[in-house]
C-alpha atoms as a PDB file:
ATOM      1  CA  MET A   1      40.073  -1.851 -31.107  1.00  0.00           C
ATOM      2  CA  LEU A   2      37.298  -1.057 -33.531  1.00  0.00           C
ATOM      3  CA  ALA A   3      36.411  -4.852 -33.842  1.00  0.00           C
ATOM      4  CA  GLN A   4      36.185  -5.169 -30.093  1.00  0.00           C
ATOM      5  CA  LEU A   5      34.082  -1.967 -30.059  1.00  0.00           C
ATOM      6  CA  GLY A   6      31.727  -3.423 -32.370  1.00  0.00           C
ATOM      7  CA  GLN A   7      31.420  -6.587 -30.294  1.00  0.00           C
ATOM      8  CA  THR A   8      31.230  -4.903 -26.878  1.00  0.00           C
ATOM      9  CA  CYS A   9      29.011  -1.954 -27.829  1.00  0.00           C
ATOM     10  CA  VAL A  10      27.037  -2.269 -31.101  1.00  0.00           C
ATOM     11  CA  THR A  11      25.956  -5.829 -30.598  1.00  0.00           C
ATOM     12  CA  ALA A  12      25.046  -5.143 -27.021  1.00  0.00           C
ATOM     13  CA  ILE A  13      22.660  -2.418 -27.613  1.00  0.00           C
ATOM     14  CA  PRO A  14      19.612  -4.597 -28.140  1.00  0.00           C
ATOM     15  CA  VAL A  15      19.913  -6.738 -25.187  1.00  0.00           C
ATOM     16  CA  VAL A  16      20.751  -3.705 -22.913  1.00  0.00           C
ATOM     17  CA  SER A  17      17.738  -1.764 -24.356  1.00  0.00           C
ATOM     18  CA  LEU A  18      15.424  -4.664 -23.725  1.00  0.00           C
ATOM     19  CA  VAL A  19      16.634  -5.127 -20.142  1.00  0.00           C
ATOM     20  CA  MET A  20      16.474  -1.645 -19.049  1.00  0.00           C
ATOM     21  CA  PHE A  21      13.151  -0.871 -20.698  1.00  0.00           C
ATOM     22  CA  LEU A  22      11.627  -3.762 -18.696  1.00  0.00           C
ATOM     23  CA  ILE A  23      13.318  -2.623 -15.483  1.00  0.00           C
ATOM     24  CA  GLY A  24      11.833   0.750 -16.088  1.00  0.00           C
ATOM     25  CA  VAL A  25       8.445  -0.699 -16.396  1.00  0.00           C
ATOM     26  CA  VAL A  26       8.865  -2.823 -13.243  1.00  0.00           C
ATOM     27  CA  VAL A  27      10.189  -0.111 -11.049  1.00  0.00           C
ATOM     28  CA  ALA A  28       7.494   2.494 -12.263  1.00  0.00           C
ATOM     29  CA  TYR A  29       4.630  -0.170 -11.760  1.00  0.00           C
ATOM     30  CA  LEU A  30       5.827  -1.082  -8.191  1.00  0.00           C
ATOM     31  CA  LEU A  31       6.296   2.639  -7.232  1.00  0.00           C
ATOM     32  CA  GLY A  32       3.025   3.508  -8.892  1.00  0.00           C
ATOM     33  CA  LEU A  33       1.066   0.984  -6.845  1.00  0.00           C
ATOM     34  CA  GLN A  34       2.225   2.681  -3.622  1.00  0.00           C
ATOM     35  CA  ALA A  35       1.963   6.295  -4.786  1.00  0.00           C
ATOM     36  CA  ALA A  36      -1.587   5.749  -6.064  1.00  0.00           C
ATOM     37  CA  GLN A  37      -2.766   4.956  -2.605  1.00  0.00           C
ATOM     38  CA  TYR A  38      -1.804   8.508  -1.490  1.00  0.00           C
ATOM     39  CA  GLY A  39      -2.584  10.409  -4.721  1.00  0.00           C
ATOM     40  CA  ALA A  40       1.180  11.075  -5.207  1.00  0.00           C
ATOM     41  CA  ASN A  41       1.384   9.747  -8.719  1.00  0.00           C
ATOM     42  CA  ILE A  42       3.593  12.520  -9.954  1.00  0.00           C
ATOM     43  CA  PHE A  43       6.357  11.608  -7.504  1.00  0.00           C
ATOM     44  CA  VAL A  44       6.822   8.359  -9.260  1.00  0.00           C
ATOM     45  CA  VAL A  45       8.690  10.348 -11.788  1.00  0.00           C
ATOM     46  CA  ASP A  46      11.110  11.589  -9.340  1.00  0.00           C
ATOM     47  CA  GLY A  47      11.879   8.135  -7.815  1.00  0.00           C
ATOM     48  CA  VAL A  48      12.227   6.457 -11.138  1.00  0.00           C
ATOM     49  CA  ALA A  49      14.473   9.313 -12.682  1.00  0.00           C
ATOM     50  CA  LEU A  50      16.794   9.337  -9.728  1.00  0.00           C
ATOM     51  CA  GLY A  51      17.098   5.552  -9.361  1.00  0.00           C
ATOM     52  CA  MET A  52      17.440   4.911 -13.075  1.00  0.00           C
ATOM     53  CA  VAL A  53      20.208   7.309 -14.137  1.00  0.00           C
ATOM     54  CA  ARG A  54      22.206   7.184 -10.821  1.00  0.00           C
ATOM     55  CA  GLU A  55      22.005   3.537  -9.781  1.00  0.00           C
ATOM     56  CA  PHE A  56      20.061   1.096 -11.776  1.00  0.00           C
ATOM     57  CA  SER A  57      21.306   1.913 -15.162  1.00  0.00           C
ATOM     58  CA  PRO A  58      25.072   1.714 -14.392  1.00  0.00           C
ATOM     59  CA  LEU A  59      24.871  -1.233 -12.120  1.00  0.00           C
ATOM     60  CA  LEU A  60      22.481  -3.341 -14.344  1.00  0.00           C
ATOM     61  CA  VAL A  61      24.355  -2.623 -17.606  1.00  0.00           C
ATOM     62  CA  ALA A  62      27.644  -3.326 -15.988  1.00  0.00           C
ATOM     63  CA  THR A  63      26.281  -6.651 -14.773  1.00  0.00           C
ATOM     64  CA  VAL A  64      24.865  -7.501 -18.129  1.00  0.00           C
ATOM     65  CA  ILE A  65      28.332  -6.496 -19.857  1.00  0.00           C
ATOM     66  CA  ALA A  66      29.989  -8.738 -17.146  1.00  0.00           C
ATOM     67  CA  GLY A  67      28.176 -11.731 -18.250  1.00  0.00           C
ATOM     68  CA  ARG A  68      28.488 -10.873 -21.862  1.00  0.00           C
ATOM     69  CA  SER A  69      31.877  -9.177 -22.684  1.00  0.00           C
ATOM     70  CA  GLY A  70      33.869 -10.119 -19.632  1.00  0.00           C
ATOM     71  CA  ALA A  71      33.191 -13.820 -20.028  1.00  0.00           C
ATOM     72  CA  ALA A  72      33.869 -13.513 -23.742  1.00  0.00           C
ATOM     73  CA  PHE A  73      37.382 -11.948 -23.090  1.00  0.00           C
ATOM     74  CA  THR A  74      38.413 -14.735 -20.849  1.00  0.00           C
ATOM     75  CA  ALA A  75      37.106 -17.358 -23.356  1.00  0.00           C
ATOM     76  CA  GLN A  76      38.736 -15.726 -26.286  1.00  0.00           C
ATOM     77  CA  LEU A  77      42.007 -15.217 -24.600  1.00  0.00           C
ATOM     78  CA  GLY A  78      41.952 -18.498 -22.890  1.00  0.00           C
ATOM     79  CA  THR A  79      41.345 -20.302 -26.188  1.00  0.00           C
ATOM     80  CA  MET A  80      44.255 -18.378 -27.767  1.00  0.00           C
ATOM     81  CA  LYS A  81      46.533 -19.594 -24.939  1.00  0.00           C
ATOM     82  CA  LEU A  82      45.169 -23.180 -25.304  1.00  0.00           C
ATOM     83  CA  THR A  83      45.954 -23.151 -29.194  1.00  0.00           C
ATOM     84  CA  GLU A  84      49.382 -21.432 -28.538  1.00  0.00           C
ATOM     85  CA  GLU A  85      48.320 -18.297 -30.574  1.00  0.00           C
ATOM     86  CA  ILE A  86      49.627 -16.208 -27.685  1.00  0.00           C
ATOM     87  CA  ASP A  87      53.055 -17.890 -27.890  1.00  0.00           C
ATOM     88  CA  ALA A  88      52.863 -17.226 -31.786  1.00  0.00           C
ATOM     89  CA  ILE A  89      52.354 -13.557 -31.186  1.00  0.00           C
ATOM     90  CA  ARG A  90      55.405 -13.463 -28.790  1.00  0.00           C
ATOM     91  CA  THR A  91      57.335 -15.274 -31.479  1.00  0.00           C
ATOM     92  CA  LEU A  92      56.522 -12.621 -33.947  1.00  0.00           C
ATOM     93  CA  GLY A  93      58.156 -10.074 -31.396  1.00  0.00           C
ATOM     94  CA  LEU A  94      54.946  -8.434 -30.550  1.00  0.00           C
ATOM     95  CA  SER A  95      53.458  -7.859 -27.062  1.00  0.00           C
ATOM     96  CA  PRO A  96      50.271 -10.004 -26.329  1.00  0.00           C
ATOM     97  CA  GLU A  97      49.236  -7.273 -23.867  1.00  0.00           C
ATOM     98  CA  GLN A  98      49.412  -4.528 -26.475  1.00  0.00           C
ATOM     99  CA  VAL A  99      47.745  -6.581 -29.129  1.00  0.00           C
ATOM    100  CA  LEU A 100      45.132  -8.416 -27.162  1.00  0.00           C
ATOM    101  CA  VAL A 101      44.501  -6.706 -23.860  1.00  0.00           C
ATOM    102  CA  VAL A 102      44.877  -3.004 -24.490  1.00  0.00           C
ATOM    103  CA  PRO A 103      42.363  -2.782 -27.412  1.00  0.00           C
ATOM    104  CA  ARG A 104      39.751  -4.715 -25.302  1.00  0.00           C
ATOM    105  CA  VAL A 105      40.190  -2.418 -22.274  1.00  0.00           C
ATOM    106  CA  ILE A 106      40.063   0.829 -24.369  1.00  0.00           C
ATOM    107  CA  ALA A 107      36.934  -0.467 -26.137  1.00  0.00           C
ATOM    108  CA  LEU A 108      35.085  -1.468 -23.114  1.00  0.00           C
ATOM    109  CA  VAL A 109      35.863   1.907 -21.372  1.00  0.00           C
ATOM    110  CA  ILE A 110      34.390   3.632 -24.557  1.00  0.00           C
ATOM    111  CA  ALA A 111      31.400   1.259 -24.859  1.00  0.00           C
ATOM    112  CA  LEU A 112      30.054   1.212 -21.242  1.00  0.00           C
ATOM    113  CA  PRO A 113      29.171   4.866 -20.951  1.00  0.00           C
ATOM    114  CA  VAL A 114      27.354   4.728 -24.252  1.00  0.00           C
ATOM    115  CA  LEU A 115      25.419   1.667 -23.055  1.00  0.00           C
ATOM    116  CA  VAL A 116      24.634   3.263 -19.723  1.00  0.00           C
ATOM    117  CA  PHE A 117      23.246   6.280 -21.705  1.00  0.00           C
ATOM    118  CA  VAL A 118      21.213   4.024 -23.794  1.00  0.00           C
ATOM    119  CA  GLY A 119      20.026   2.055 -20.857  1.00  0.00           C
ATOM    120  CA  SER A 120      19.034   5.237 -18.888  1.00  0.00           C
ATOM    121  CA  VAL A 121      16.964   6.413 -21.948  1.00  0.00           C
ATOM    122  CA  LEU A 122      15.161   3.206 -22.455  1.00  0.00           C
ATOM    123  CA  GLY A 123      14.612   2.636 -18.672  1.00  0.00           C
ATOM    124  CA  LEU A 124      12.932   6.166 -18.592  1.00  0.00           C
ATOM    125  CA  ALA A 125      11.018   5.264 -21.638  1.00  0.00           C
ATOM    126  CA  GLY A 126       9.548   2.208 -19.995  1.00  0.00           C
ATOM    127  CA  ALA A 127       8.741   4.029 -16.900  1.00  0.00           C
ATOM    128  CA  ALA A 128       6.960   6.749 -18.995  1.00  0.00           C
ATOM    129  CA  THR A 129       4.969   4.108 -20.645  1.00  0.00           C
ATOM    130  CA  VAL A 130       3.733   2.725 -17.438  1.00  0.00           C
ATOM    131  CA  CYS A 131       2.982   6.248 -16.021  1.00  0.00           C
ATOM    132  CA  ASN A 132       0.917   6.972 -18.946  1.00  0.00           C
ATOM    133  CA  VAL A 133      -1.174   3.801 -18.857  1.00  0.00           C
ATOM    134  CA  MET A 134      -1.461   3.295 -15.065  1.00  0.00           C
ATOM    135  CA  LEU A 135      -1.076   6.646 -13.530  1.00  0.00           C
ATOM    136  CA  ASP A 136      -2.521   9.086 -16.265  1.00  0.00           C
ATOM    137  CA  ILE A 137       0.782  10.957 -16.500  1.00  0.00           C
ATOM    138  CA  THR A 138       1.229  11.842 -20.031  1.00  0.00           C
ATOM    139  CA  PRO A 139       4.609  11.779 -21.797  1.00  0.00           C
ATOM    140  CA  THR A 140       4.779  15.510 -21.882  1.00  0.00           C
ATOM    141  CA  THR A 141       3.983  15.781 -18.105  1.00  0.00           C
ATOM    142  CA  PHE A 142       6.565  13.053 -17.497  1.00  0.00           C
ATOM    143  CA  ILE A 143       9.345  14.987 -19.360  1.00  0.00           C
ATOM    144  CA  ASP A 144       8.504  18.326 -17.743  1.00  0.00           C
ATOM    145  CA  ARG A 145       8.680  16.681 -14.304  1.00  0.00           C
ATOM    146  CA  LEU A 146      11.914  14.958 -15.234  1.00  0.00           C
ATOM    147  CA  HIS A 147      13.463  18.300 -16.118  1.00  0.00           C
ATOM    148  CA  ASP A 148      12.490  19.714 -12.666  1.00  0.00           C
ATOM    149  CA  SER A 149      13.349  16.748 -10.560  1.00  0.00           C
ATOM    150  CA  LEU A 150      16.465  15.382 -12.045  1.00  0.00           C
ATOM    151  CA  ALA A 151      19.630  17.386 -11.346  1.00  0.00           C
ATOM    152  CA  ALA A 152      22.505  17.216 -13.875  1.00  0.00           C
ATOM    153  CA  ARG A 153      24.972  15.979 -11.202  1.00  0.00           C
ATOM    154  CA  HIS A 154      22.782  12.656 -10.826  1.00  0.00           C
ATOM    155  CA  TYR A 155      23.083  11.862 -14.554  1.00  0.00           C
ATOM    156  CA  LEU A 156      26.822  12.806 -14.493  1.00  0.00           C
ATOM    157  CA  ILE A 157      27.443  10.538 -11.474  1.00  0.00           C
ATOM    158  CA  GLY A 158      25.770   7.703 -13.237  1.00  0.00           C
ATOM    159  CA  LEU A 159      27.834   8.129 -16.485  1.00  0.00           C
ATOM    160  CA  GLY A 160      30.969   8.762 -14.313  1.00  0.00           C
ATOM    161  CA  LYS A 161      30.634   5.246 -12.794  1.00  0.00           C
ATOM    162  CA  ALA A 162      30.668   3.610 -16.308  1.00  0.00           C
ATOM    163  CA  PRO A 163      34.321   4.028 -17.150  1.00  0.00           C
ATOM    164  CA  VAL A 164      35.402   2.757 -13.876  1.00  0.00           C
ATOM    165  CA  PHE A 165      33.204  -0.161 -13.952  1.00  0.00           C
ATOM    166  CA  ALA A 166      34.386  -0.878 -17.636  1.00  0.00           C
ATOM    167  CA  MET A 167      38.043  -0.659 -16.522  1.00  0.00           C
ATOM    168  CA  LEU A 168      37.331  -3.078 -13.601  1.00  0.00           C
ATOM    169  CA  LEU A 169      35.469  -5.571 -15.874  1.00  0.00           C
ATOM    170  CA  ALA A 170      38.054  -5.587 -18.647  1.00  0.00           C
ATOM    171  CA  VAL A 171      41.075  -6.104 -16.283  1.00  0.00           C
ATOM    172  CA  ILE A 172      39.269  -9.031 -14.507  1.00  0.00           C
ATOM    173  CA  GLY A 173      38.254 -10.640 -17.682  1.00  0.00           C
ATOM    174  CA  CYS A 174      41.701 -10.198 -19.407  1.00  0.00           C
ATOM    175  CA  SER A 175      43.865 -10.975 -16.327  1.00  0.00           C
ATOM    176  CA  ILE A 176      42.233 -14.313 -15.472  1.00  0.00           C
ATOM    177  CA  ARG A 177      43.329 -15.620 -18.878  1.00  0.00           C
ATOM    178  CA  MET A 178      46.856 -15.465 -17.618  1.00  0.00           C
ATOM    179  CA  THR A 179      46.268 -18.269 -15.096  1.00  0.00           C
ATOM    180  CA  VAL A 180      44.317 -20.436 -17.483  1.00  0.00           C
ATOM    181  CA  SER A 181      46.128 -23.819 -17.839  1.00  0.00           C
ATOM    182  CA  ARG A 182      46.299 -25.583 -21.162  1.00  0.00           C
ATOM    183  CA  ASP A 183      43.045 -27.720 -20.903  1.00  0.00           C
ATOM    184  CA  THR A 184      39.391 -27.053 -21.700  1.00  0.00           C
ATOM    185  CA  ARG A 185      38.090 -27.794 -18.203  1.00  0.00           C
ATOM    186  CA  ALA A 186      40.166 -24.906 -16.675  1.00  0.00           C
ATOM    187  CA  MET A 187      39.057 -22.584 -19.318  1.00  0.00           C
ATOM    188  CA  GLY A 188      35.387 -23.255 -18.525  1.00  0.00           C
ATOM    189  CA  LEU A 189      36.036 -22.738 -14.790  1.00  0.00           C
ATOM    190  CA  HIS A 190      37.953 -19.525 -15.323  1.00  0.00           C
ATOM    191  CA  THR A 191      35.233 -18.098 -17.611  1.00  0.00           C
ATOM    192  CA  THR A 192      32.722 -18.841 -14.743  1.00  0.00           C
ATOM    193  CA  SER A 193      35.012 -17.308 -12.320  1.00  0.00           C
ATOM    194  CA  THR A 194      35.315 -14.077 -14.349  1.00  0.00           C
ATOM    195  CA  VAL A 195      31.591 -13.666 -14.351  1.00  0.00           C
ATOM    196  CA  VAL A 196      31.127 -14.207 -10.614  1.00  0.00           C
ATOM    197  CA  GLN A 197      34.149 -12.081  -9.728  1.00  0.00           C
ATOM    198  CA  SER A 198      33.041  -9.309 -12.129  1.00  0.00           C
ATOM    199  CA  ILE A 199      29.529  -9.087 -10.740  1.00  0.00           C
ATOM    200  CA  VAL A 200      30.542  -9.081  -7.059  1.00  0.00           C
ATOM    201  CA  ALA A 201      33.312  -6.465  -7.884  1.00  0.00           C
ATOM    202  CA  VAL A 202      30.804  -4.180  -9.671  1.00  0.00           C
ATOM    203  CA  ILE A 203      28.384  -4.393  -6.707  1.00  0.00           C
ATOM    204  CA  LEU A 204      30.955  -3.574  -4.046  1.00  0.00           C
ATOM    205  CA  LEU A 205      32.425  -0.887  -6.164  1.00  0.00           C
ATOM    206  CA  ASP A 206      28.880   0.759  -6.466  1.00  0.00           C
ATOM    207  CA  ALA A 207      28.364   0.354  -2.757  1.00  0.00           C
ATOM    208  CA  PHE A 208      31.572   2.170  -2.171  1.00  0.00           C
ATOM    209  CA  PHE A 209      30.513   4.997  -4.511  1.00  0.00           C
ATOM    210  CA  ALA A 210      27.157   5.303  -2.798  1.00  0.00           C
ATOM    211  CA  VAL A 211      28.971   5.753   0.608  1.00  0.00           C
ATOM    212  CA  LEU A 212      31.468   8.193  -0.932  1.00  0.00           C
ATOM    213  CA  PHE A 213      28.850  10.386  -2.602  1.00  0.00           C
ATOM    214  CA  GLN A 214      26.703  10.288   0.658  1.00  0.00           C
ATOM    215  CA  GLU A 215      29.717  11.570   2.624  1.00  0.00           C
ATOM    216  CA  LEU A 216      30.380  14.210  -0.050  1.00  0.00           C
ATOM    217  CA  ASP A 217      26.687  15.235  -0.001  1.00  0.00           C
ATOM    218  CA  TRP A 218      26.406  14.577  -3.818  1.00  0.00           C
END
């Protein structure tokens, strides 16, 4: 599990940080263009903060991890089936699910909230950079406005989505390997299928959460 945690979390931090920082820059820039026309520069902080921690960070980080770790799970386990390593594990009297699947699921459930936290921080850092350069909003003013405009529930909702997304991604990535036949072409097709199914499932689940929280007035 520690080995999987290193692969799914530690090594993913640089790419998640870069992607979310740039997303923060782009969102703040686009909102700033509109807000500057009406002298409402400070409200850019409200929009970026709410969107980043509640929607953008969980959704985009899960999408990155779907293409990174979800595909890796299918490729790793599919290769092990192809080379009959899974059969060897059963011969030793061990359960392939306990040895191979459970550690990956647990590692991803732990890793994704950490990555969402990192993504939110870097996304807000990117937005603060644009606000400072383009809208004359200093980092101190940005942080003060962030404290005033961002309720704790929004941040908790964003973090709460992460374990659910992680469970979904891990189950899809690990379950598809059960249907991989013993040839390399099938493994490539299933790896591609894992990425597509994972991204679509995450988007659908995020849409469900949006409707649910709206009904609950959260």
